[in-house]
């Protein structure tokens, strides 16, 4: 089990801390496995500093994807974007 710290902006931090936001989208530039713990550290972009608020969440599933693994044409993705959907 690894503990991984990630910078999180205030509006997302509050949703994660409250339990409403049960997913996260990140660039796949770090190793992450089921069972690892993500430590979300609140970062205020206005003052460019951490606020000292932190929340830990256990990783239950990781879905890595690349543009060539998606189901839609790249042009449509660029035009419309993607939605990440959380299920309960």
PDB file of N, CA and C in Angstrom:
ATOM      1  N   UNK A   1       0.846  -1.182   0.000  1.00  0.00           N
ATOM      2  CA  UNK A   1       0.000   0.000   0.000  1.00  0.00           C
ATOM      3  C   UNK A   1       0.888   1.241   0.000  1.00  0.00           C
ATOM      4  N   UNK A   2       0.607   2.140  -0.915  1.00  0.00           N
ATOM      5  CA  UNK A   2       1.349   3.394  -1.009  1.00  0.00           C
ATOM      6  C   UNK A   2       0.456   4.544  -0.556  1.00  0.00           C
ATOM      7  N   UNK A   3       1.095   5.579  -0.053  1.00  0.00           N
ATOM      8  CA  UNK A   3       0.402   6.819   0.296  1.00  0.00           C
ATOM      9  C   UNK A   3       0.891   7.875  -0.689  1.00  0.00           C
ATOM     10  N   UNK A   4      -0.055   8.451  -1.428  1.00  0.00           N
ATOM     11  CA  UNK A   4       0.284   9.374  -2.499  1.00  0.00           C
ATOM     12  C   UNK A   4      -0.419  10.700  -2.249  1.00  0.00           C
ATOM     13  N   UNK A   5       0.342  11.784  -2.248  1.00  0.00           N
ATOM     14  CA  UNK A   5      -0.217  13.121  -2.020  1.00  0.00           C
ATOM     15  C   UNK A   5      -0.513  13.804  -3.346  1.00  0.00           C
ATOM     16  N   UNK A   6      -1.675  14.457  -3.395  1.00  0.00           N
ATOM     17  CA  UNK A   6      -2.060  15.183  -4.598  1.00  0.00           C
ATOM     18  C   UNK A   6      -2.657  16.535  -4.241  1.00  0.00           C
ATOM     19  N   UNK A   7      -2.267  17.543  -4.992  1.00  0.00           N
ATOM     20  CA  UNK A   7      -2.774  18.905  -4.848  1.00  0.00           C
ATOM     21  C   UNK A   7      -4.217  18.948  -5.339  1.00  0.00           C
ATOM     22  N   UNK A   8      -5.096  19.622  -4.587  1.00  0.00           N
ATOM     23  CA  UNK A   8      -6.508  19.706  -4.960  1.00  0.00           C
ATOM     24  C   UNK A   8      -7.036  21.111  -4.687  1.00  0.00           C
ATOM     25  N   UNK A   9      -7.711  21.689  -5.655  1.00  0.00           N
ATOM     26  CA  UNK A   9      -8.270  23.027  -5.510  1.00  0.00           C
ATOM     27  C   UNK A   9      -9.448  23.008  -4.539  1.00  0.00           C
ATOM     28  N   UNK A  10      -9.727  24.140  -3.882  1.00  0.00           N
ATOM     29  CA  UNK A  10     -10.745  24.198  -2.817  1.00  0.00           C
ATOM     30  C   UNK A  10     -12.121  23.660  -3.196  1.00  0.00           C
ATOM     31  N   UNK A  11     -12.646  24.005  -4.373  1.00  0.00           N
ATOM     32  CA  UNK A  11     -13.995  23.554  -4.718  1.00  0.00           C
ATOM     33  C   UNK A  11     -14.071  22.033  -4.847  1.00  0.00           C
ATOM     34  N   UNK A  12     -13.000  21.408  -5.277  1.00  0.00           N
ATOM     35  CA  UNK A  12     -12.974  19.947  -5.373  1.00  0.00           C
ATOM     36  C   UNK A  12     -12.651  19.315  -4.025  1.00  0.00           C
ATOM     37  N   UNK A  13     -11.785  19.968  -3.259  1.00  0.00           N
ATOM     38  CA  UNK A  13     -11.440  19.454  -1.933  1.00  0.00           C
ATOM     39  C   UNK A  13     -12.689  19.318  -1.073  1.00  0.00           C
ATOM     40  N   UNK A  14     -13.526  20.345  -1.044  1.00  0.00           N
ATOM     41  CA  UNK A  14     -14.743  20.309  -0.227  1.00  0.00           C
ATOM     42  C   UNK A  14     -15.663  19.160  -0.640  1.00  0.00           C
ATOM     43  N   UNK A  15     -15.784  18.920  -1.945  1.00  0.00           N
ATOM     44  CA  UNK A  15     -16.644  17.831  -2.423  1.00  0.00           C
ATOM     45  C   UNK A  15     -16.075  16.461  -2.061  1.00  0.00           C
ATOM     46  N   UNK A  16     -14.763  16.318  -2.132  1.00  0.00           N
ATOM     47  CA  UNK A  16     -14.123  15.057  -1.739  1.00  0.00           C
ATOM     48  C   UNK A  16     -14.248  14.854  -0.237  1.00  0.00           C
ATOM     49  N   UNK A  17     -13.955  15.895   0.534  1.00  0.00           N
ATOM     50  CA  UNK A  17     -14.013  15.792   2.002  1.00  0.00           C
ATOM     51  C   UNK A  17     -15.416  15.459   2.491  1.00  0.00           C
ATOM     52  N   UNK A  18     -16.429  15.999   1.839  1.00  0.00           N
ATOM     53  CA  UNK A  18     -17.815  15.749   2.263  1.00  0.00           C
ATOM     54  C   UNK A  18     -18.304  14.363   1.852  1.00  0.00           C
ATOM     55  N   UNK A  19     -17.595  13.728   0.917  1.00  0.00           N
ATOM     56  CA  UNK A  19     -18.007  12.409   0.444  1.00  0.00           C
ATOM     57  C   UNK A  19     -18.896  12.452  -0.785  1.00  0.00           C
ATOM     58  N   UNK A  20     -19.239  13.649  -1.247  1.00  0.00           N
ATOM     59  CA  UNK A  20     -20.095  13.767  -2.430  1.00  0.00           C
ATOM     60  C   UNK A  20     -19.352  13.359  -3.708  1.00  0.00           C
ATOM     61  N   UNK A  21     -18.102  13.782  -3.828  1.00  0.00           N
ATOM     62  CA  UNK A  21     -17.289  13.454  -5.009  1.00  0.00           C
ATOM     63  C   UNK A  21     -16.515  12.179  -4.689  1.00  0.00           C
ATOM     64  N   UNK A  22     -16.939  11.083  -5.322  1.00  0.00           N
ATOM     65  CA  UNK A  22     -16.344   9.775  -5.040  1.00  0.00           C
ATOM     66  C   UNK A  22     -15.514   9.268  -6.211  1.00  0.00           C
ATOM     67  N   UNK A  23     -14.897  10.192  -6.919  1.00  0.00           N
ATOM     68  CA  UNK A  23     -14.047   9.852  -8.051  1.00  0.00           C
ATOM     69  C   UNK A  23     -13.027  10.968  -8.202  1.00  0.00           C
ATOM     70  N   UNK A  24     -12.007  10.720  -8.986  1.00  0.00           N
ATOM     71  CA  UNK A  24     -11.052  11.767  -9.298  1.00  0.00           C
ATOM     72  C   UNK A  24     -10.489  11.473 -10.678  1.00  0.00           C
ATOM     73  N   UNK A  25     -10.109  12.497 -11.389  1.00  0.00           N
ATOM     74  CA  UNK A  25      -9.520  12.366 -12.715  1.00  0.00           C
ATOM     75  C   UNK A  25      -8.130  12.982 -12.639  1.00  0.00           C
ATOM     76  N   UNK A  26      -7.136  12.206 -12.988  1.00  0.00           N
ATOM     77  CA  UNK A  26      -5.746  12.678 -12.938  1.00  0.00           C
ATOM     78  C   UNK A  26      -5.003  12.230 -14.177  1.00  0.00           C
ATOM     79  N   UNK A  27      -3.984  12.971 -14.523  1.00  0.00           N
ATOM     80  CA  UNK A  27      -3.062  12.544 -15.560  1.00  0.00           C
ATOM     81  C   UNK A  27      -2.390  11.260 -15.082  1.00  0.00           C
ATOM     82  N   UNK A  28      -2.266  10.294 -15.962  1.00  0.00           N
ATOM     83  CA  UNK A  28      -1.699   8.994 -15.595  1.00  0.00           C
ATOM     84  C   UNK A  28      -0.169   9.070 -15.599  1.00  0.00           C
ATOM     85  N   UNK A  29       0.378   9.912 -14.734  1.00  0.00           N
ATOM     86  CA  UNK A  29       1.831  10.103 -14.680  1.00  0.00           C
ATOM     87  C   UNK A  29       2.437   9.632 -13.358  1.00  0.00           C
ATOM     88  N   UNK A  30       1.695   8.793 -12.624  1.00  0.00           N
ATOM     89  CA  UNK A  30       2.216   8.243 -11.371  1.00  0.00           C
ATOM     90  C   UNK A  30       1.612   6.862 -11.164  1.00  0.00           C
ATOM     91  N   UNK A  31       2.322   6.021 -10.399  1.00  0.00           N
ATOM     92  CA  UNK A  31       1.847   4.672 -10.132  1.00  0.00           C
ATOM     93  C   UNK A  31       0.763   4.718  -9.061  1.00  0.00           C
ATOM     94  N   UNK A  32      -0.324   4.000  -9.307  1.00  0.00           N
ATOM     95  CA  UNK A  32      -1.444   3.974  -8.374  1.00  0.00           C
ATOM     96  C   UNK A  32      -2.122   2.622  -8.475  1.00  0.00           C
ATOM     97  N   UNK A  33      -2.345   1.988  -7.333  1.00  0.00           N
ATOM     98  CA  UNK A  33      -2.952   0.664  -7.293  1.00  0.00           C
ATOM     99  C   UNK A  33      -4.159   0.676  -6.366  1.00  0.00           C
ATOM    100  N   UNK A  34      -5.061  -0.274  -6.576  1.00  0.00           N
ATOM    101  CA  UNK A  34      -6.168  -0.455  -5.647  1.00  0.00           C
ATOM    102  C   UNK A  34      -5.581  -0.732  -4.257  1.00  0.00           C
ATOM    103  N   UNK A  35      -6.167  -0.107  -3.247  1.00  0.00           N
ATOM    104  CA  UNK A  35      -5.672  -0.252  -1.883  1.00  0.00           C
ATOM    105  C   UNK A  35      -4.745   0.862  -1.446  1.00  0.00           C
ATOM    106  N   UNK A  36      -4.188   1.619  -2.403  1.00  0.00           N
ATOM    107  CA  UNK A  36      -3.349   2.771  -2.053  1.00  0.00           C
ATOM    108  C   UNK A  36      -4.226   3.852  -1.408  1.00  0.00           C
ATOM    109  N   UNK A  37      -3.580   4.790  -0.765  1.00  0.00           N
ATOM    110  CA  UNK A  37      -4.296   5.905  -0.141  1.00  0.00           C
ATOM    111  C   UNK A  37      -3.876   7.198  -0.829  1.00  0.00           C
ATOM    112  N   UNK A  38      -4.885   7.948  -1.284  1.00  0.00           N
ATOM    113  CA  UNK A  38      -4.626   9.273  -1.837  1.00  0.00           C
ATOM    114  C   UNK A  38      -4.856  10.298  -0.736  1.00  0.00           C
ATOM    115  N   UNK A  39      -3.874  11.149  -0.539  1.00  0.00           N
ATOM    116  CA  UNK A  39      -4.009  12.255   0.404  1.00  0.00           C
ATOM    117  C   UNK A  39      -4.230  13.503  -0.427  1.00  0.00           C
ATOM    118  N   UNK A  40      -5.439  14.027  -0.365  1.00  0.00           N
ATOM    119  CA  UNK A  40      -5.772  15.246  -1.093  1.00  0.00           C
ATOM    120  C   UNK A  40      -5.403  16.432  -0.205  1.00  0.00           C
ATOM    121  N   UNK A  41      -4.504  17.271  -0.702  1.00  0.00           N
ATOM    122  CA  UNK A  41      -4.057  18.452   0.030  1.00  0.00           C
ATOM    123  C   UNK A  41      -4.630  19.686  -0.657  1.00  0.00           C
ATOM    124  N   UNK A  42      -5.398  20.440   0.095  1.00  0.00           N
ATOM    125  CA  UNK A  42      -6.049  21.617  -0.494  1.00  0.00           C
ATOM    126  C   UNK A  42      -5.010  22.673  -0.872  1.00  0.00           C
ATOM    127  N   UNK A  43      -5.106  23.141  -2.102  1.00  0.00           N
ATOM    128  CA  UNK A  43      -4.218  24.169  -2.660  1.00  0.00           C
ATOM    129  C   UNK A  43      -5.076  25.336  -3.103  1.00  0.00           C
ATOM    130  N   UNK A  44      -4.748  26.520  -2.645  1.00  0.00           N
ATOM    131  CA  UNK A  44      -5.496  27.709  -3.044  1.00  0.00           C
ATOM    132  C   UNK A  44      -4.748  28.390  -4.190  1.00  0.00           C
ATOM    133  N   UNK A  45      -5.291  28.327  -5.408  1.00  0.00           N
ATOM    134  CA  UNK A  45      -4.581  28.910  -6.552  1.00  0.00           C
ATOM    135  C   UNK A  45      -4.510  30.430  -6.510  1.00  0.00           C
ATOM    136  N   UNK A  46      -5.390  31.066  -5.741  1.00  0.00           N
ATOM    137  CA  UNK A  46      -5.365  32.534  -5.658  1.00  0.00           C
ATOM    138  C   UNK A  46      -4.119  33.025  -4.934  1.00  0.00           C
ATOM    139  N   UNK A  47      -3.750  32.328  -3.867  1.00  0.00           N
ATOM    140  CA  UNK A  47      -2.572  32.734  -3.091  1.00  0.00           C
ATOM    141  C   UNK A  47      -1.371  31.825  -3.346  1.00  0.00           C
ATOM    142  N   UNK A  48      -1.596  30.786  -4.174  1.00  0.00           N
ATOM    143  CA  UNK A  48      -0.539  29.848  -4.549  1.00  0.00           C
ATOM    144  C   UNK A  48       0.128  29.200  -3.337  1.00  0.00           C
ATOM    145  N   UNK A  49      -0.746  28.742  -2.406  1.00  0.00           N
ATOM    146  CA  UNK A  49      -0.246  28.079  -1.194  1.00  0.00           C
ATOM    147  C   UNK A  49      -1.197  26.966  -0.778  1.00  0.00           C
ATOM    148  N   UNK A  50      -0.641  25.999  -0.046  1.00  0.00           N
ATOM    149  CA  UNK A  50      -1.481  24.971   0.568  1.00  0.00           C
ATOM    150  C   UNK A  50      -2.193  25.570   1.770  1.00  0.00           C
ATOM    151  N   UNK A  51      -3.415  25.096   2.033  1.00  0.00           N
ATOM    152  CA  UNK A  51      -4.202  25.633   3.149  1.00  0.00           C
ATOM    153  C   UNK A  51      -3.991  24.842   4.436  1.00  0.00           C
ATOM    154  N   UNK A  52      -3.316  23.728   4.377  1.00  0.00           N
ATOM    155  CA  UNK A  52      -3.074  22.801   5.492  1.00  0.00           C
ATOM    156  C   UNK A  52      -4.222  21.821   5.698  1.00  0.00           C
ATOM    157  N   UNK A  53      -5.318  21.960   4.920  1.00  0.00           N
ATOM    158  CA  UNK A  53      -6.394  20.964   5.017  1.00  0.00           C
ATOM    159  C   UNK A  53      -6.027  19.760   4.155  1.00  0.00           C
ATOM    160  N   UNK A  54      -6.243  18.573   4.723  1.00  0.00           N
ATOM    161  CA  UNK A  54      -5.947  17.321   4.033  1.00  0.00           C
ATOM    162  C   UNK A  54      -7.074  16.336   4.296  1.00  0.00           C
ATOM    163  N   UNK A  55      -7.295  15.448   3.344  1.00  0.00           N
ATOM    164  CA  UNK A  55      -8.245  14.357   3.544  1.00  0.00           C
ATOM    165  C   UNK A  55      -7.664  13.124   2.843  1.00  0.00           C
ATOM    166  N   UNK A  56      -7.798  11.970   3.508  1.00  0.00           N
ATOM    167  CA  UNK A  56      -7.299  10.715   2.951  1.00  0.00           C
ATOM    168  C   UNK A  56      -8.458   9.885   2.427  1.00  0.00           C
ATOM    169  N   UNK A  57      -8.259   9.274   1.255  1.00  0.00           N
ATOM    170  CA  UNK A  57      -9.258   8.393   0.663  1.00  0.00           C
ATOM    171  C   UNK A  57      -8.562   7.152   0.124  1.00  0.00           C
ATOM    172  N   UNK A  58      -9.162   6.000   0.384  1.00  0.00           N
ATOM    173  CA  UNK A  58      -8.619   4.743  -0.113  1.00  0.00           C
ATOM    174  C   UNK A  58      -9.039   4.545  -1.570  1.00  0.00           C
ATOM    175  N   UNK A  59      -8.106   4.109  -2.395  1.00  0.00           N
ATOM    176  CA  UNK A  59      -8.368   3.849  -3.801  1.00  0.00           C
ATOM    177  C   UNK A  59      -9.035   2.477  -3.925  1.00  0.00           C
ATOM    178  N   UNK A  60     -10.231   2.445  -4.520  1.00  0.00           N
ATOM    179  CA  UNK A  60     -10.946   1.184  -4.674  1.00  0.00           C
ATOM    180  C   UNK A  60     -10.898   0.655  -6.102  1.00  0.00           C
ATOM    181  N   UNK A  61     -10.649   1.509  -7.075  1.00  0.00           N
ATOM    182  CA  UNK A  61     -10.586   1.077  -8.466  1.00  0.00           C
ATOM    183  C   UNK A  61      -9.820   2.115  -9.278  1.00  0.00           C
ATOM    184  N   UNK A  62      -9.037   1.646 -10.231  1.00  0.00           N
ATOM    185  CA  UNK A  62      -8.291   2.529 -11.128  1.00  0.00           C
ATOM    186  C   UNK A  62      -8.597   2.107 -12.560  1.00  0.00           C
ATOM    187  N   UNK A  63      -9.060   3.043 -13.377  1.00  0.00           N
ATOM    188  CA  UNK A  63      -9.351   2.772 -14.782  1.00  0.00           C
ATOM    189  C   UNK A  63      -8.433   3.632 -15.644  1.00  0.00           C
ATOM    190  N   UNK A  64      -7.262   3.111 -16.004  1.00  0.00           N
ATOM    191  CA  UNK A  64      -6.395   3.882 -16.886  1.00  0.00           C
ATOM    192  C   UNK A  64      -6.943   3.843 -18.310  1.00  0.00           C
ATOM    193  N   UNK A  65      -6.801   4.929 -19.034  1.00  0.00           N
ATOM    194  CA  UNK A  65      -7.236   4.915 -20.430  1.00  0.00           C
ATOM    195  C   UNK A  65      -6.344   5.843 -21.244  1.00  0.00           C
ATOM    196  N   UNK A  66      -6.237   5.509 -22.495  1.00  0.00           N
ATOM    197  CA  UNK A  66      -5.488   6.320 -23.443  1.00  0.00           C
ATOM    198  C   UNK A  66      -6.435   6.697 -24.563  1.00  0.00           C
ATOM    199  N   UNK A  67      -6.111   7.726 -25.283  1.00  0.00           N
ATOM    200  CA  UNK A  67      -6.995   8.208 -26.349  1.00  0.00           C
ATOM    201  C   UNK A  67      -7.290   7.108 -27.376  1.00  0.00           C
ATOM    202  N   UNK A  68      -6.334   6.226 -27.652  1.00  0.00           N
ATOM    203  CA  UNK A  68      -6.573   5.182 -28.647  1.00  0.00           C
ATOM    204  C   UNK A  68      -7.407   4.025 -28.098  1.00  0.00           C
ATOM    205  N   UNK A  69      -7.745   4.056 -26.811  1.00  0.00           N
ATOM    206  CA  UNK A  69      -8.554   3.007 -26.203  1.00  0.00           C
ATOM    207  C   UNK A  69      -9.995   3.447 -25.996  1.00  0.00           C
ATOM    208  N   UNK A  70     -10.330   4.631 -26.439  1.00  0.00           N
ATOM    209  CA  UNK A  70     -11.672   5.143 -26.213  1.00  0.00           C
ATOM    210  C   UNK A  70     -12.614   4.681 -27.318  1.00  0.00           C
ATOM    211  N   UNK A  71     -13.896   4.788 -27.058  1.00  0.00           N
ATOM    212  CA  UNK A  71     -14.923   4.269 -27.956  1.00  0.00           C
ATOM    213  C   UNK A  71     -15.400   5.280 -28.994  1.00  0.00           C
ATOM    214  N   UNK A  72     -14.954   6.516 -28.904  1.00  0.00           N
ATOM    215  CA  UNK A  72     -15.470   7.568 -29.769  1.00  0.00           C
ATOM    216  C   UNK A  72     -14.344   8.153 -30.601  1.00  0.00           C
ATOM    217  N   UNK A  73     -14.686   8.734 -31.746  1.00  0.00           N
ATOM    218  CA  UNK A  73     -13.663   9.375 -32.571  1.00  0.00           C
ATOM    219  C   UNK A  73     -13.028  10.566 -31.829  1.00  0.00           C
ATOM    220  N   UNK A  74     -11.739  10.747 -32.042  1.00  0.00           N
ATOM    221  CA  UNK A  74     -10.998  11.821 -31.378  1.00  0.00           C
ATOM    222  C   UNK A  74     -11.612  13.196 -31.648  1.00  0.00           C
ATOM    223  N   UNK A  75     -12.140  13.405 -32.856  1.00  0.00           N
ATOM    224  CA  UNK A  75     -12.743  14.694 -33.196  1.00  0.00           C
ATOM    225  C   UNK A  75     -13.946  14.987 -32.292  1.00  0.00           C
ATOM    226  N   UNK A  76     -14.762  13.960 -32.036  1.00  0.00           N
ATOM    227  CA  UNK A  76     -15.922  14.149 -31.168  1.00  0.00           C
ATOM    228  C   UNK A  76     -15.505  14.419 -29.729  1.00  0.00           C
ATOM    229  N   UNK A  77     -14.456  13.754 -29.281  1.00  0.00           N
ATOM    230  CA  UNK A  77     -13.969  13.977 -27.921  1.00  0.00           C
ATOM    231  C   UNK A  77     -13.467  15.414 -27.783  1.00  0.00           C
ATOM    232  N   UNK A  78     -12.721  15.894 -28.782  1.00  0.00           N
ATOM    233  CA  UNK A  78     -12.215  17.269 -28.741  1.00  0.00           C
ATOM    234  C   UNK A  78     -13.358  18.276 -28.758  1.00  0.00           C
ATOM    235  N   UNK A  79     -14.409  17.980 -29.526  1.00  0.00           N
ATOM    236  CA  UNK A  79     -15.545  18.892 -29.637  1.00  0.00           C
ATOM    237  C   UNK A  79     -16.421  18.880 -28.384  1.00  0.00           C
ATOM    238  N   UNK A  80     -16.734  17.693 -27.875  1.00  0.00           N
ATOM    239  CA  UNK A  80     -17.719  17.560 -26.809  1.00  0.00           C
ATOM    240  C   UNK A  80     -17.129  17.285 -25.433  1.00  0.00           C
ATOM    241  N   UNK A  81     -15.898  16.791 -25.384  1.00  0.00           N
ATOM    242  CA  UNK A  81     -15.287  16.411 -24.110  1.00  0.00           C
ATOM    243  C   UNK A  81     -15.835  15.073 -23.624  1.00  0.00           C
ATOM    244  N   UNK A  82     -15.438  14.700 -22.428  1.00  0.00           N
ATOM    245  CA  UNK A  82     -15.881  13.452 -21.818  1.00  0.00           C
ATOM    246  C   UNK A  82     -16.537  13.758 -20.480  1.00  0.00           C
ATOM    247  N   UNK A  83     -17.351  12.836 -20.001  1.00  0.00           N
ATOM    248  CA  UNK A  83     -17.929  12.926 -18.652  1.00  0.00           C
ATOM    249  C   UNK A  83     -17.390  11.751 -17.855  1.00  0.00           C
ATOM    250  N   UNK A  84     -17.026  12.020 -16.637  1.00  0.00           N
ATOM    251  CA  UNK A  84     -16.675  10.962 -15.697  1.00  0.00           C
ATOM    252  C   UNK A  84     -17.901  10.826 -14.793  1.00  0.00           C
ATOM    253  N   UNK A  85     -18.423   9.617 -14.693  1.00  0.00           N
ATOM    254  CA  UNK A  85     -19.678   9.422 -13.980  1.00  0.00           C
ATOM    255  C   UNK A  85     -19.431   8.567 -12.744  1.00  0.00           C
ATOM    256  N   UNK A  86     -19.895   9.045 -11.615  1.00  0.00           N
ATOM    257  CA  UNK A  86     -19.782   8.311 -10.362  1.00  0.00           C
ATOM    258  C   UNK A  86     -21.084   7.560 -10.102  1.00  0.00           C
ATOM    259  N   UNK A  87     -20.968   6.311  -9.706  1.00  0.00           N
ATOM    260  CA  UNK A  87     -22.141   5.489  -9.439  1.00  0.00           C
ATOM    261  C   UNK A  87     -22.195   5.101  -7.973  1.00  0.00           C
ATOM    262  N   UNK A  88     -23.371   4.914  -7.475  1.00  0.00           N
ATOM    263  CA  UNK A  88     -23.522   4.528  -6.072  1.00  0.00           C
ATOM    264  C   UNK A  88     -24.420   3.324  -5.973  1.00  0.00           C
TER     265      UNK A  88
END
